[in-house]
Amino acid sequence: MKTNHASRPASPAFLLFSLLLTIGVFITGCATSSNDKTLQTMAAAANQGKPDLLVLREGDVVRVAFPGSANLDASQQIRRDGKILLPLIGEVTAAGLTPEALQTNLAELYAPQISTKQLIVTVVSSAFPVFVTGAVVHPGKITSDHPLTALDAIMEAGGFALATANLKDVRVIRNESGVMKKYSLNLKLILDGKSSQPFYLKPSDIIFVPERFSFF
């Protein structure tokens, strides 16, 4: 007489093992997803501190040179309306473009006017303001013509007021598309050699160095 083992119910130990295995797979999947999101968030935060490509703005001076038509060479300061005035083609918008993009635009505009169709755009001078306030030696406006980190700007302002400055919670306030955003920086880590991640500033950023709490 044959015995039918297929209908035998699973043992409690087997059911418990299956349940634990299922829970383990679920938790591992959630942890992986959570880790991925954490890495993405950290990468996005790190990207905030990278210097941007040079973008022309009001007040910058650009030089447009024509190797085949030197009589057209011109140096122009970008006006408050973001434009420059050039021979043959008149007013052209320059603010908001990279020098390479402006060069491409000008080459297209000058194509019907000159035979060589070759021109070179270079930046003669470029400067942008940032503002440093709080527990620094000389708070105020700083103008820079090169990429500037938050720590650089504070050093330009005379450095921290060492007796009162809170280096662990320096704040950068930035206008992004009409929305004021705040970034918190622990500059003590950089000064102690425990971090090498610089935070590059953008035009009109405000750097605020708070004071430490003191009890008397």
N, C-alpha and C. Protein backbone atom coordinates (compact mmCIF):
# COMPACT_ATOMS: atom_id res chain seq x y z
N MET A 1 0.85 -1.19 0.00
CA MET A 1 0.00 0.00 0.00
C MET A 1 0.88 1.25 0.00
N LYS A 2 0.60 2.20 -0.98
CA LYS A 2 1.44 3.40 -1.11
C LYS A 2 0.95 4.51 -0.18
N THR A 3 1.92 5.26 0.33
CA THR A 3 1.59 6.40 1.20
C THR A 3 1.72 7.68 0.41
N ASN A 4 0.72 8.58 0.45
CA ASN A 4 0.73 9.86 -0.28
C ASN A 4 1.33 10.94 0.61
N HIS A 5 2.60 11.33 0.33
CA HIS A 5 3.28 12.35 1.16
C HIS A 5 2.91 13.75 0.73
N ALA A 6 2.33 13.97 -0.46
CA ALA A 6 2.05 15.33 -0.95
C ALA A 6 1.04 16.05 -0.10
N SER A 7 0.16 15.34 0.53
CA SER A 7 -0.90 15.99 1.30
C SER A 7 -0.50 16.27 2.72
N ARG A 8 0.75 15.87 3.08
CA ARG A 8 1.20 16.09 4.47
C ARG A 8 1.42 17.58 4.71
N PRO A 9 0.84 18.18 5.74
CA PRO A 9 1.01 19.62 6.02
C PRO A 9 2.44 19.95 6.38
N ALA A 10 2.88 21.18 5.98
CA ALA A 10 4.25 21.62 6.28
C ALA A 10 4.44 21.75 7.77
N SER A 11 5.63 21.45 8.21
CA SER A 11 5.93 21.52 9.64
C SER A 11 5.99 22.97 10.09
N PRO A 12 5.73 23.29 11.36
CA PRO A 12 5.83 24.67 11.86
C PRO A 12 7.22 25.27 11.67
N ALA A 13 8.24 24.43 11.78
CA ALA A 13 9.62 24.93 11.61
C ALA A 13 9.84 25.41 10.18
N PHE A 14 9.31 24.63 9.21
CA PHE A 14 9.47 25.01 7.80
C PHE A 14 8.73 26.32 7.52
N LEU A 15 7.51 26.46 8.04
CA LEU A 15 6.73 27.69 7.83
C LEU A 15 7.45 28.89 8.43
N LEU A 16 8.05 28.73 9.61
CA LEU A 16 8.77 29.83 10.26
C LEU A 16 9.98 30.23 9.44
N PHE A 17 10.69 29.22 8.91
CA PHE A 17 11.87 29.50 8.07
C PHE A 17 11.48 30.28 6.82
N SER A 18 10.38 29.89 6.18
CA SER A 18 9.91 30.56 4.96
C SER A 18 9.53 32.00 5.26
N LEU A 19 8.85 32.21 6.40
CA LEU A 19 8.44 33.57 6.77
C LEU A 19 9.66 34.45 7.02
N LEU A 20 10.66 33.93 7.73
CA LEU A 20 11.86 34.72 8.01
C LEU A 20 12.62 35.03 6.74
N LEU A 21 12.66 34.08 5.80
CA LEU A 21 13.35 34.29 4.54
C LEU A 21 12.68 35.40 3.74
N THR A 22 11.35 35.39 3.70
CA THR A 22 10.60 36.43 2.98
C THR A 22 10.83 37.80 3.58
N ILE A 23 10.81 37.89 4.92
CA ILE A 23 11.03 39.17 5.60
C ILE A 23 12.45 39.68 5.32
N GLY A 24 13.42 38.77 5.31
CA GLY A 24 14.81 39.16 5.05
C GLY A 24 14.98 39.74 3.67
N VAL A 25 14.36 39.11 2.65
CA VAL A 25 14.44 39.63 1.29
C VAL A 25 13.81 41.00 1.20
N PHE A 26 12.65 41.18 1.88
CA PHE A 26 11.95 42.47 1.85
C PHE A 26 12.79 43.57 2.49
N ILE A 27 13.38 43.27 3.65
CA ILE A 27 14.18 44.28 4.35
C ILE A 27 15.42 44.64 3.54
N THR A 28 16.05 43.62 2.92
CA THR A 28 17.23 43.88 2.10
C THR A 28 16.90 44.79 0.93
N GLY A 29 15.75 44.54 0.31
CA GLY A 29 15.33 45.39 -0.82
C GLY A 29 15.08 46.81 -0.39
N CYS A 30 14.41 46.97 0.77
CA CYS A 30 14.15 48.33 1.28
C CYS A 30 15.44 49.03 1.64
N ALA A 31 16.38 48.30 2.26
CA ALA A 31 17.64 48.91 2.65
C ALA A 31 18.43 49.36 1.44
N THR A 32 18.41 48.51 0.38
CA THR A 32 19.12 48.88 -0.85
C THR A 32 18.54 50.13 -1.46
N SER A 33 17.19 50.18 -1.50
CA SER A 33 16.52 51.37 -2.05
C SER A 33 16.84 52.60 -1.23
N SER A 34 16.82 52.43 0.13
CA SER A 34 17.12 53.56 1.01
C SER A 34 18.55 54.04 0.82
N ASN A 35 19.51 53.08 0.68
CA ASN A 35 20.90 53.46 0.47
C ASN A 35 21.08 54.21 -0.84
N ASP A 36 20.38 53.74 -1.89
CA ASP A 36 20.46 54.41 -3.19
C ASP A 36 19.99 55.85 -3.07
N LYS A 37 18.86 56.06 -2.35
CA LYS A 37 18.34 57.42 -2.20
C LYS A 37 19.30 58.29 -1.40
N THR A 38 19.93 57.68 -0.36
CA THR A 38 20.89 58.44 0.44
C THR A 38 22.07 58.87 -0.39
N LEU A 39 22.60 57.95 -1.22
CA LEU A 39 23.73 58.29 -2.09
C LEU A 39 23.36 59.38 -3.08
N GLN A 40 22.13 59.30 -3.63
CA GLN A 40 21.69 60.33 -4.57
C GLN A 40 21.60 61.69 -3.89
N THR A 41 21.09 61.70 -2.63
CA THR A 41 20.98 62.96 -1.89
C THR A 41 22.36 63.54 -1.60
N MET A 42 23.31 62.67 -1.21
CA MET A 42 24.67 63.14 -0.92
C MET A 42 25.34 63.68 -2.18
N ALA A 43 25.10 63.01 -3.31
CA ALA A 43 25.69 63.46 -4.58
C ALA A 43 25.12 64.82 -4.98
N ALA A 44 23.80 64.99 -4.78
CA ALA A 44 23.18 66.27 -5.13
C ALA A 44 23.73 67.39 -4.25
N ALA A 45 23.91 67.11 -2.95
CA ALA A 45 24.45 68.13 -2.05
C ALA A 45 25.88 68.49 -2.43
N ALA A 46 26.66 67.48 -2.82
CA ALA A 46 28.05 67.74 -3.21
C ALA A 46 28.11 68.59 -4.46
N ASN A 47 27.18 68.37 -5.39
CA ASN A 47 27.17 69.14 -6.63
C ASN A 47 26.87 70.61 -6.39
N GLN A 48 26.19 70.94 -5.27
CA GLN A 48 25.88 72.33 -4.98
C GLN A 48 27.16 73.13 -4.77
N GLY A 49 28.23 72.44 -4.36
CA GLY A 49 29.45 73.16 -4.05
C GLY A 49 30.42 73.28 -5.20
N LYS A 50 30.07 72.81 -6.38
CA LYS A 50 31.00 72.87 -7.51
C LYS A 50 30.88 74.21 -8.23
N PRO A 51 32.00 74.72 -8.73
CA PRO A 51 31.93 75.99 -9.45
C PRO A 51 31.21 75.84 -10.78
N ASP A 52 30.44 76.85 -11.15
CA ASP A 52 29.73 76.82 -12.42
C ASP A 52 30.66 77.18 -13.56
N LEU A 53 30.22 76.86 -14.79
CA LEU A 53 30.90 77.38 -15.96
C LEU A 53 30.78 78.90 -15.93
N LEU A 54 31.77 79.58 -16.53
CA LEU A 54 31.73 81.03 -16.58
C LEU A 54 30.54 81.48 -17.41
N VAL A 55 29.64 82.21 -16.80
CA VAL A 55 28.48 82.77 -17.48
C VAL A 55 28.60 84.28 -17.46
N LEU A 56 28.49 84.90 -18.61
CA LEU A 56 28.64 86.35 -18.69
C LEU A 56 27.49 87.05 -17.99
N ARG A 57 27.82 88.20 -17.37
CA ARG A 57 26.80 88.97 -16.67
C ARG A 57 27.07 90.45 -16.87
N GLU A 58 26.11 91.28 -16.45
CA GLU A 58 26.23 92.72 -16.58
C GLU A 58 27.52 93.20 -15.91
N GLY A 59 28.25 94.08 -16.59
CA GLY A 59 29.49 94.62 -16.05
C GLY A 59 30.73 93.92 -16.56
N ASP A 60 30.60 92.69 -17.06
CA ASP A 60 31.75 92.00 -17.64
C ASP A 60 32.20 92.71 -18.91
N VAL A 61 33.51 92.63 -19.19
CA VAL A 61 34.05 93.21 -20.42
C VAL A 61 34.51 92.05 -21.31
N VAL A 62 34.00 92.05 -22.55
CA VAL A 62 34.39 91.01 -23.50
C VAL A 62 35.07 91.65 -24.71
N ARG A 63 35.98 90.89 -25.31
CA ARG A 63 36.66 91.35 -26.52
C ARG A 63 36.28 90.41 -27.66
N VAL A 64 35.86 90.99 -28.77
CA VAL A 64 35.53 90.23 -29.97
C VAL A 64 36.60 90.55 -31.01
N ALA A 65 37.39 89.54 -31.39
CA ALA A 65 38.48 89.73 -32.35
C ALA A 65 38.17 89.00 -33.65
N PHE A 66 38.50 89.64 -34.78
CA PHE A 66 38.28 89.09 -36.11
C PHE A 66 39.64 88.91 -36.79
N PRO A 67 40.19 87.71 -36.77
CA PRO A 67 41.53 87.48 -37.36
C PRO A 67 41.64 87.95 -38.81
N GLY A 68 40.56 87.88 -39.58
CA GLY A 68 40.62 88.30 -40.97
C GLY A 68 40.15 89.71 -41.23
N SER A 69 39.62 90.37 -40.18
CA SER A 69 39.10 91.74 -40.33
C SER A 69 39.38 92.51 -39.05
N ALA A 70 40.64 92.86 -38.85
CA ALA A 70 41.05 93.48 -37.59
C ALA A 70 40.35 94.81 -37.33
N ASN A 71 39.86 95.46 -38.38
CA ASN A 71 39.19 96.75 -38.20
C ASN A 71 37.86 96.60 -37.46
N LEU A 72 37.38 95.37 -37.34
CA LEU A 72 36.12 95.13 -36.62
C LEU A 72 36.34 94.76 -35.16
N ASP A 73 37.59 94.57 -34.76
CA ASP A 73 37.87 94.19 -33.37
C ASP A 73 37.23 95.20 -32.41
N ALA A 74 36.65 94.68 -31.32
CA ALA A 74 35.99 95.57 -30.36
C ALA A 74 36.01 94.97 -28.96
N SER A 75 36.17 95.83 -27.96
CA SER A 75 36.02 95.45 -26.56
C SER A 75 34.80 96.18 -26.01
N GLN A 76 33.90 95.44 -25.39
CA GLN A 76 32.65 96.03 -24.93
C GLN A 76 32.33 95.56 -23.51
N GLN A 77 31.82 96.50 -22.71
CA GLN A 77 31.31 96.12 -21.40
C GLN A 77 29.82 95.79 -21.53
N ILE A 78 29.42 94.69 -20.95
CA ILE A 78 28.01 94.30 -21.02
C ILE A 78 27.18 95.28 -20.19
N ARG A 79 26.21 95.89 -20.84
CA ARG A 79 25.39 96.91 -20.19
C ARG A 79 24.41 96.30 -19.19
N ARG A 80 23.72 97.15 -18.47
CA ARG A 80 22.77 96.68 -17.47
C ARG A 80 21.60 95.94 -18.09
N ASP A 81 21.33 96.20 -19.39
CA ASP A 81 20.27 95.45 -20.07
C ASP A 81 20.78 94.14 -20.64
N GLY A 82 22.06 93.80 -20.36
CA GLY A 82 22.62 92.53 -20.79
C GLY A 82 23.14 92.50 -22.21
N LYS A 83 23.23 93.66 -22.87
CA LYS A 83 23.61 93.68 -24.29
C LYS A 83 24.95 94.39 -24.50
N ILE A 84 25.53 94.10 -25.68
CA ILE A 84 26.72 94.82 -26.14
C ILE A 84 26.42 95.37 -27.53
N LEU A 85 27.18 96.39 -27.93
CA LEU A 85 26.99 97.02 -29.24
C LEU A 85 28.22 96.74 -30.10
N LEU A 86 28.00 96.10 -31.25
CA LEU A 86 29.09 95.70 -32.12
C LEU A 86 28.90 96.26 -33.54
N PRO A 87 30.02 96.51 -34.23
CA PRO A 87 29.92 97.05 -35.59
C PRO A 87 29.21 96.07 -36.54
N LEU A 88 28.48 96.61 -37.47
CA LEU A 88 27.76 95.89 -38.53
C LEU A 88 26.47 95.21 -38.08
N ILE A 89 26.45 94.66 -36.85
CA ILE A 89 25.25 93.92 -36.44
C ILE A 89 24.48 94.60 -35.32
N GLY A 90 25.06 95.64 -34.70
CA GLY A 90 24.33 96.39 -33.68
C GLY A 90 24.30 95.70 -32.32
N GLU A 91 23.16 95.78 -31.63
CA GLU A 91 23.04 95.26 -30.27
C GLU A 91 22.84 93.75 -30.26
N VAL A 92 23.55 93.11 -29.33
CA VAL A 92 23.48 91.66 -29.19
C VAL A 92 23.41 91.32 -27.70
N THR A 93 22.56 90.39 -27.33
CA THR A 93 22.48 89.96 -25.94
C THR A 93 23.67 89.08 -25.60
N ALA A 94 24.36 89.43 -24.50
CA ALA A 94 25.53 88.66 -24.07
C ALA A 94 25.34 88.07 -22.67
N ALA A 95 24.66 88.79 -21.78
CA ALA A 95 24.47 88.31 -20.41
C ALA A 95 23.67 87.01 -20.42
N GLY A 96 24.11 86.10 -19.56
CA GLY A 96 23.43 84.81 -19.46
C GLY A 96 24.02 83.74 -20.36
N LEU A 97 24.96 84.11 -21.22
CA LEU A 97 25.60 83.16 -22.12
C LEU A 97 27.03 82.86 -21.65
N THR A 98 27.53 81.69 -22.00
CA THR A 98 28.96 81.44 -21.81
C THR A 98 29.70 82.13 -22.95
N PRO A 99 31.00 82.42 -22.79
CA PRO A 99 31.76 83.01 -23.90
C PRO A 99 31.68 82.17 -25.17
N GLU A 100 31.68 80.84 -25.02
CA GLU A 100 31.60 79.96 -26.19
C GLU A 100 30.26 80.11 -26.91
N ALA A 101 29.16 80.21 -26.13
CA ALA A 101 27.84 80.37 -26.74
C ALA A 101 27.72 81.72 -27.45
N LEU A 102 28.28 82.77 -26.83
CA LEU A 102 28.25 84.09 -27.46
C LEU A 102 29.06 84.05 -28.76
N GLN A 103 30.19 83.39 -28.75
CA GLN A 103 31.01 83.29 -29.95
C GLN A 103 30.26 82.60 -31.08
N THR A 104 29.53 81.54 -30.75
CA THR A 104 28.74 80.83 -31.76
C THR A 104 27.65 81.72 -32.34
N ASN A 105 26.95 82.45 -31.45
CA ASN A 105 25.89 83.35 -31.91
C ASN A 105 26.43 84.44 -32.83
N LEU A 106 27.56 85.02 -32.43
CA LEU A 106 28.14 86.10 -33.23
C LEU A 106 28.62 85.59 -34.59
N ALA A 107 29.15 84.39 -34.61
CA ALA A 107 29.61 83.82 -35.88
C ALA A 107 28.44 83.70 -36.86
N GLU A 108 27.28 83.33 -36.35
CA GLU A 108 26.09 83.21 -37.22
C GLU A 108 25.62 84.59 -37.67
N LEU A 109 25.65 85.57 -36.77
CA LEU A 109 25.18 86.91 -37.12
C LEU A 109 26.11 87.60 -38.12
N TYR A 110 27.43 87.32 -37.98
CA TYR A 110 28.40 87.97 -38.87
C TYR A 110 28.60 87.21 -40.20
N ALA A 111 28.07 86.02 -40.29
CA ALA A 111 28.28 85.20 -41.50
C ALA A 111 27.95 85.94 -42.80
N PRO A 112 26.81 86.67 -42.86
CA PRO A 112 26.52 87.38 -44.11
C PRO A 112 27.36 88.65 -44.32
N GLN A 113 28.06 89.09 -43.24
CA GLN A 113 28.75 90.37 -43.29
C GLN A 113 30.23 90.27 -43.63
N ILE A 114 30.87 89.17 -43.24
CA ILE A 114 32.32 89.04 -43.45
C ILE A 114 32.62 87.74 -44.20
N SER A 115 33.74 87.72 -44.88
CA SER A 115 34.08 86.56 -45.71
C SER A 115 34.75 85.44 -44.93
N THR A 116 35.55 85.78 -43.91
CA THR A 116 36.31 84.73 -43.20
C THR A 116 35.44 83.91 -42.26
N LYS A 117 34.36 84.54 -41.74
CA LYS A 117 33.44 83.86 -40.81
C LYS A 117 34.15 83.33 -39.56
N GLN A 118 35.26 83.93 -39.21
CA GLN A 118 36.01 83.50 -38.02
C GLN A 118 36.13 84.66 -37.05
N LEU A 119 35.79 84.40 -35.79
CA LEU A 119 35.94 85.41 -34.73
C LEU A 119 36.20 84.71 -33.42
N ILE A 120 36.77 85.45 -32.48
CA ILE A 120 37.13 84.89 -31.17
C ILE A 120 36.61 85.81 -30.08
N VAL A 121 35.89 85.23 -29.12
CA VAL A 121 35.38 85.98 -27.97
C VAL A 121 36.21 85.62 -26.74
N THR A 122 36.76 86.62 -26.08
CA THR A 122 37.50 86.40 -24.84
C THR A 122 36.96 87.33 -23.76
N VAL A 123 37.12 86.92 -22.52
CA VAL A 123 36.66 87.73 -21.38
C VAL A 123 37.84 88.56 -20.88
N VAL A 124 37.71 89.88 -20.96
CA VAL A 124 38.77 90.78 -20.51
C VAL A 124 38.72 90.91 -18.99
N SER A 125 37.54 91.10 -18.45
CA SER A 125 37.39 91.18 -17.00
C SER A 125 35.99 90.71 -16.61
N SER A 126 35.93 90.06 -15.47
CA SER A 126 34.66 89.56 -14.96
C SER A 126 34.71 89.57 -13.44
N ALA A 127 33.73 90.13 -12.80
CA ALA A 127 33.72 90.21 -11.35
C ALA A 127 32.29 90.06 -10.84
N PHE A 128 32.16 89.46 -9.66
CA PHE A 128 30.82 89.31 -9.06
C PHE A 128 30.92 89.57 -7.56
N PRO A 129 29.81 90.06 -6.98
CA PRO A 129 29.84 90.38 -5.54
C PRO A 129 29.28 89.24 -4.69
N VAL A 130 29.81 89.11 -3.48
CA VAL A 130 29.21 88.30 -2.43
C VAL A 130 29.26 89.13 -1.15
N PHE A 131 28.48 88.73 -0.17
CA PHE A 131 28.37 89.52 1.06
C PHE A 131 28.65 88.62 2.26
N VAL A 132 29.53 89.10 3.15
CA VAL A 132 29.91 88.35 4.34
C VAL A 132 29.48 89.13 5.57
N THR A 133 28.77 88.47 6.46
CA THR A 133 28.29 89.15 7.66
C THR A 133 28.38 88.21 8.86
N GLY A 134 28.14 88.76 10.05
CA GLY A 134 28.21 87.96 11.27
C GLY A 134 29.55 88.08 11.95
N ALA A 135 30.00 86.98 12.52
CA ALA A 135 31.21 86.99 13.36
C ALA A 135 32.48 86.88 12.51
N VAL A 136 32.73 87.93 11.71
CA VAL A 136 33.97 88.05 10.95
C VAL A 136 34.60 89.40 11.27
N VAL A 137 35.87 89.55 10.91
CA VAL A 137 36.58 90.77 11.31
C VAL A 137 36.09 91.99 10.53
N HIS A 138 35.90 91.84 9.23
CA HIS A 138 35.46 92.98 8.42
C HIS A 138 34.25 92.58 7.56
N PRO A 139 33.06 92.59 8.13
CA PRO A 139 31.88 92.22 7.35
C PRO A 139 31.62 93.22 6.23
N GLY A 140 31.02 92.75 5.15
CA GLY A 140 30.70 93.66 4.05
C GLY A 140 30.71 92.96 2.71
N LYS A 141 30.77 93.75 1.66
CA LYS A 141 30.73 93.26 0.28
C LYS A 141 32.14 92.91 -0.20
N ILE A 142 32.24 91.78 -0.90
CA ILE A 142 33.50 91.36 -1.50
C ILE A 142 33.27 91.12 -2.99
N THR A 143 34.16 91.63 -3.81
CA THR A 143 34.06 91.44 -5.25
C THR A 143 35.20 90.54 -5.72
N SER A 144 34.85 89.53 -6.50
CA SER A 144 35.86 88.58 -6.96
C SER A 144 35.78 88.40 -8.47
N ASP A 145 36.94 88.20 -9.10
CA ASP A 145 36.99 87.95 -10.53
C ASP A 145 37.40 86.51 -10.84
N HIS A 146 37.28 85.62 -9.83
CA HIS A 146 37.63 84.22 -10.01
C HIS A 146 36.75 83.38 -9.10
N PRO A 147 36.65 82.06 -9.34
CA PRO A 147 35.83 81.20 -8.47
C PRO A 147 36.24 81.36 -7.01
N LEU A 148 35.22 81.46 -6.14
CA LEU A 148 35.46 81.80 -4.74
C LEU A 148 34.69 80.83 -3.86
N THR A 149 35.36 80.25 -2.86
CA THR A 149 34.67 79.38 -1.92
C THR A 149 34.20 80.20 -0.72
N ALA A 150 33.32 79.59 0.08
CA ALA A 150 32.83 80.27 1.28
C ALA A 150 33.99 80.60 2.23
N LEU A 151 34.92 79.68 2.38
CA LEU A 151 36.06 79.92 3.26
C LEU A 151 36.94 81.03 2.69
N ASP A 152 37.13 81.06 1.37
CA ASP A 152 37.91 82.14 0.74
C ASP A 152 37.29 83.50 1.07
N ALA A 153 35.96 83.59 0.93
CA ALA A 153 35.28 84.86 1.16
C ALA A 153 35.44 85.32 2.60
N ILE A 154 35.37 84.39 3.54
CA ILE A 154 35.54 84.74 4.95
C ILE A 154 36.95 85.23 5.22
N MET A 155 37.94 84.60 4.58
CA MET A 155 39.32 85.06 4.73
C MET A 155 39.49 86.46 4.14
N GLU A 156 38.80 86.73 3.00
CA GLU A 156 38.84 88.07 2.41
C GLU A 156 38.22 89.10 3.34
N ALA A 157 37.30 88.66 4.19
CA ALA A 157 36.66 89.55 5.15
C ALA A 157 37.45 89.65 6.45
N GLY A 158 38.70 89.26 6.42
CA GLY A 158 39.56 89.38 7.60
C GLY A 158 39.60 88.14 8.45
N GLY A 159 38.83 87.12 8.10
CA GLY A 159 38.81 85.88 8.87
C GLY A 159 37.73 85.87 9.94
N PHE A 160 37.64 84.76 10.64
CA PHE A 160 36.64 84.61 11.70
C PHE A 160 36.99 85.49 12.91
N ALA A 161 35.94 85.94 13.59
CA ALA A 161 36.14 86.54 14.91
C ALA A 161 36.30 85.36 15.87
N LEU A 162 37.53 84.97 16.13
CA LEU A 162 37.81 83.70 16.78
C LEU A 162 37.18 83.56 18.16
N ALA A 163 37.01 84.67 18.86
CA ALA A 163 36.46 84.58 20.21
C ALA A 163 34.98 84.24 20.21
N THR A 164 34.29 84.52 19.11
CA THR A 164 32.82 84.35 19.12
C THR A 164 32.27 83.49 17.98
N ALA A 165 33.02 83.29 16.90
CA ALA A 165 32.46 82.65 15.71
C ALA A 165 32.15 81.17 15.92
N ASN A 166 31.02 80.76 15.38
CA ASN A 166 30.64 79.34 15.36
C ASN A 166 30.99 78.78 13.98
N LEU A 167 32.13 78.13 13.88
CA LEU A 167 32.62 77.63 12.60
C LEU A 167 31.85 76.41 12.11
N LYS A 168 31.08 75.79 13.01
CA LYS A 168 30.39 74.55 12.66
C LYS A 168 29.05 74.77 11.96
N ASP A 169 28.57 75.99 11.94
CA ASP A 169 27.24 76.23 11.37
C ASP A 169 27.22 77.51 10.54
N VAL A 170 28.19 77.65 9.64
CA VAL A 170 28.22 78.80 8.74
C VAL A 170 27.12 78.62 7.69
N ARG A 171 26.40 79.68 7.39
CA ARG A 171 25.27 79.57 6.47
C ARG A 171 25.49 80.40 5.21
N VAL A 172 25.11 79.82 4.09
CA VAL A 172 25.13 80.53 2.81
C VAL A 172 23.69 80.68 2.35
N ILE A 173 23.28 81.92 2.13
CA ILE A 173 21.92 82.20 1.68
C ILE A 173 21.99 82.59 0.22
N ARG A 174 21.20 81.91 -0.60
CA ARG A 174 21.30 82.05 -2.06
C ARG A 174 19.91 82.21 -2.69
N ASN A 175 19.81 83.15 -3.62
CA ASN A 175 18.57 83.34 -4.36
C ASN A 175 18.59 82.43 -5.58
N GLU A 176 17.73 81.42 -5.58
CA GLU A 176 17.65 80.49 -6.70
C GLU A 176 16.27 80.61 -7.34
N SER A 177 16.24 81.30 -8.48
CA SER A 177 14.99 81.49 -9.24
C SER A 177 13.92 82.14 -8.37
N GLY A 178 14.31 83.13 -7.57
CA GLY A 178 13.35 83.86 -6.75
C GLY A 178 13.06 83.22 -5.41
N VAL A 179 13.67 82.09 -5.11
CA VAL A 179 13.47 81.41 -3.83
C VAL A 179 14.77 81.47 -3.03
N MET A 180 14.68 81.97 -1.80
CA MET A 180 15.86 82.07 -0.95
C MET A 180 16.12 80.71 -0.28
N LYS A 181 17.29 80.13 -0.58
CA LYS A 181 17.65 78.84 -0.01
C LYS A 181 18.86 78.99 0.91
N LYS A 182 18.93 78.11 1.90
CA LYS A 182 20.00 78.19 2.89
C LYS A 182 20.81 76.89 2.88
N TYR A 183 22.14 77.05 2.91
CA TYR A 183 23.04 75.91 3.00
C TYR A 183 23.87 76.06 4.27
N SER A 184 23.97 75.00 5.05
CA SER A 184 24.75 75.02 6.29
C SER A 184 26.08 74.32 6.06
N LEU A 185 27.16 74.97 6.47
CA LEU A 185 28.51 74.45 6.25
C LEU A 185 29.25 74.31 7.57
N ASN A 186 29.94 73.19 7.74
CA ASN A 186 30.82 73.01 8.90
C ASN A 186 32.24 73.27 8.44
N LEU A 187 32.66 74.52 8.53
CA LEU A 187 34.00 74.89 8.06
C LEU A 187 35.10 74.48 9.03
N LYS A 188 34.71 74.10 10.25
CA LYS A 188 35.72 73.63 11.21
C LYS A 188 36.35 72.32 10.71
N LEU A 189 35.55 71.50 10.03
CA LEU A 189 36.07 70.25 9.49
C LEU A 189 37.18 70.51 8.47
N ILE A 190 36.97 71.55 7.64
CA ILE A 190 37.98 71.89 6.64
C ILE A 190 39.23 72.43 7.31
N LEU A 191 39.05 73.32 8.28
CA LEU A 191 40.21 73.90 8.97
C LEU A 191 40.97 72.85 9.78
N ASP A 192 40.27 71.81 10.24
CA ASP A 192 40.93 70.74 11.00
C ASP A 192 41.49 69.66 10.07
N GLY A 193 41.32 69.84 8.76
CA GLY A 193 41.84 68.85 7.81
C GLY A 193 41.02 67.59 7.71
N LYS A 194 39.78 67.62 8.20
CA LYS A 194 38.92 66.43 8.17
C LYS A 194 37.99 66.40 6.96
N SER A 195 38.01 67.45 6.17
CA SER A 195 37.18 67.51 4.96
C SER A 195 37.91 68.34 3.92
N SER A 196 37.71 67.97 2.66
CA SER A 196 38.34 68.73 1.57
C SER A 196 37.30 69.18 0.54
N GLN A 197 36.02 69.15 0.91
CA GLN A 197 34.95 69.49 -0.01
C GLN A 197 34.67 71.00 0.04
N PRO A 198 35.14 71.77 -0.95
CA PRO A 198 34.89 73.22 -0.93
C PRO A 198 33.46 73.54 -1.36
N PHE A 199 32.95 74.65 -0.90
CA PHE A 199 31.63 75.12 -1.32
C PHE A 199 31.83 76.41 -2.11
N TYR A 200 31.62 76.35 -3.42
CA TYR A 200 31.83 77.52 -4.27
C TYR A 200 30.62 78.43 -4.26
N LEU A 201 30.89 79.72 -4.22
CA LEU A 201 29.84 80.72 -4.14
C LEU A 201 29.35 81.14 -5.53
N LYS A 202 28.15 81.69 -5.54
CA LYS A 202 27.56 82.25 -6.75
C LYS A 202 27.32 83.74 -6.52
N PRO A 203 27.16 84.51 -7.60
CA PRO A 203 26.97 85.96 -7.44
C PRO A 203 25.84 86.31 -6.47
N SER A 204 26.14 87.27 -5.61
CA SER A 204 25.18 87.81 -4.62
C SER A 204 24.87 86.85 -3.48
N ASP A 205 25.63 85.77 -3.31
CA ASP A 205 25.46 84.92 -2.14
C ASP A 205 25.74 85.72 -0.87
N ILE A 206 25.06 85.36 0.20
CA ILE A 206 25.28 85.97 1.52
C ILE A 206 25.84 84.90 2.44
N ILE A 207 27.02 85.15 3.02
CA ILE A 207 27.64 84.21 3.95
C ILE A 207 27.46 84.77 5.35
N PHE A 208 26.80 84.00 6.22
CA PHE A 208 26.55 84.44 7.59
C PHE A 208 27.28 83.52 8.55
N VAL A 209 28.15 84.11 9.37
CA VAL A 209 28.88 83.36 10.40
C VAL A 209 28.24 83.66 11.75
N PRO A 210 27.51 82.71 12.32
CA PRO A 210 26.84 82.98 13.59
C PRO A 210 27.82 82.99 14.76
N GLU A 211 27.35 83.48 15.89
CA GLU A 211 28.17 83.47 17.09
C GLU A 211 27.84 82.25 17.94
N ARG A 212 28.83 81.81 18.70
CA ARG A 212 28.58 80.74 19.65
C ARG A 212 27.79 81.27 20.82
N PHE A 213 27.01 80.40 21.44
CA PHE A 213 26.32 80.79 22.66
C PHE A 213 27.33 80.90 23.79
N SER A 214 27.20 81.93 24.57
CA SER A 214 28.11 82.10 25.72
C SER A 214 27.30 82.34 26.97
N PHE A 215 27.75 81.80 28.07
CA PHE A 215 27.03 81.93 29.34
C PHE A 215 27.93 82.68 30.33
N PHE A 216 27.36 83.64 31.03
CA PHE A 216 28.14 84.46 31.96
C PHE A 216 27.70 84.15 33.39
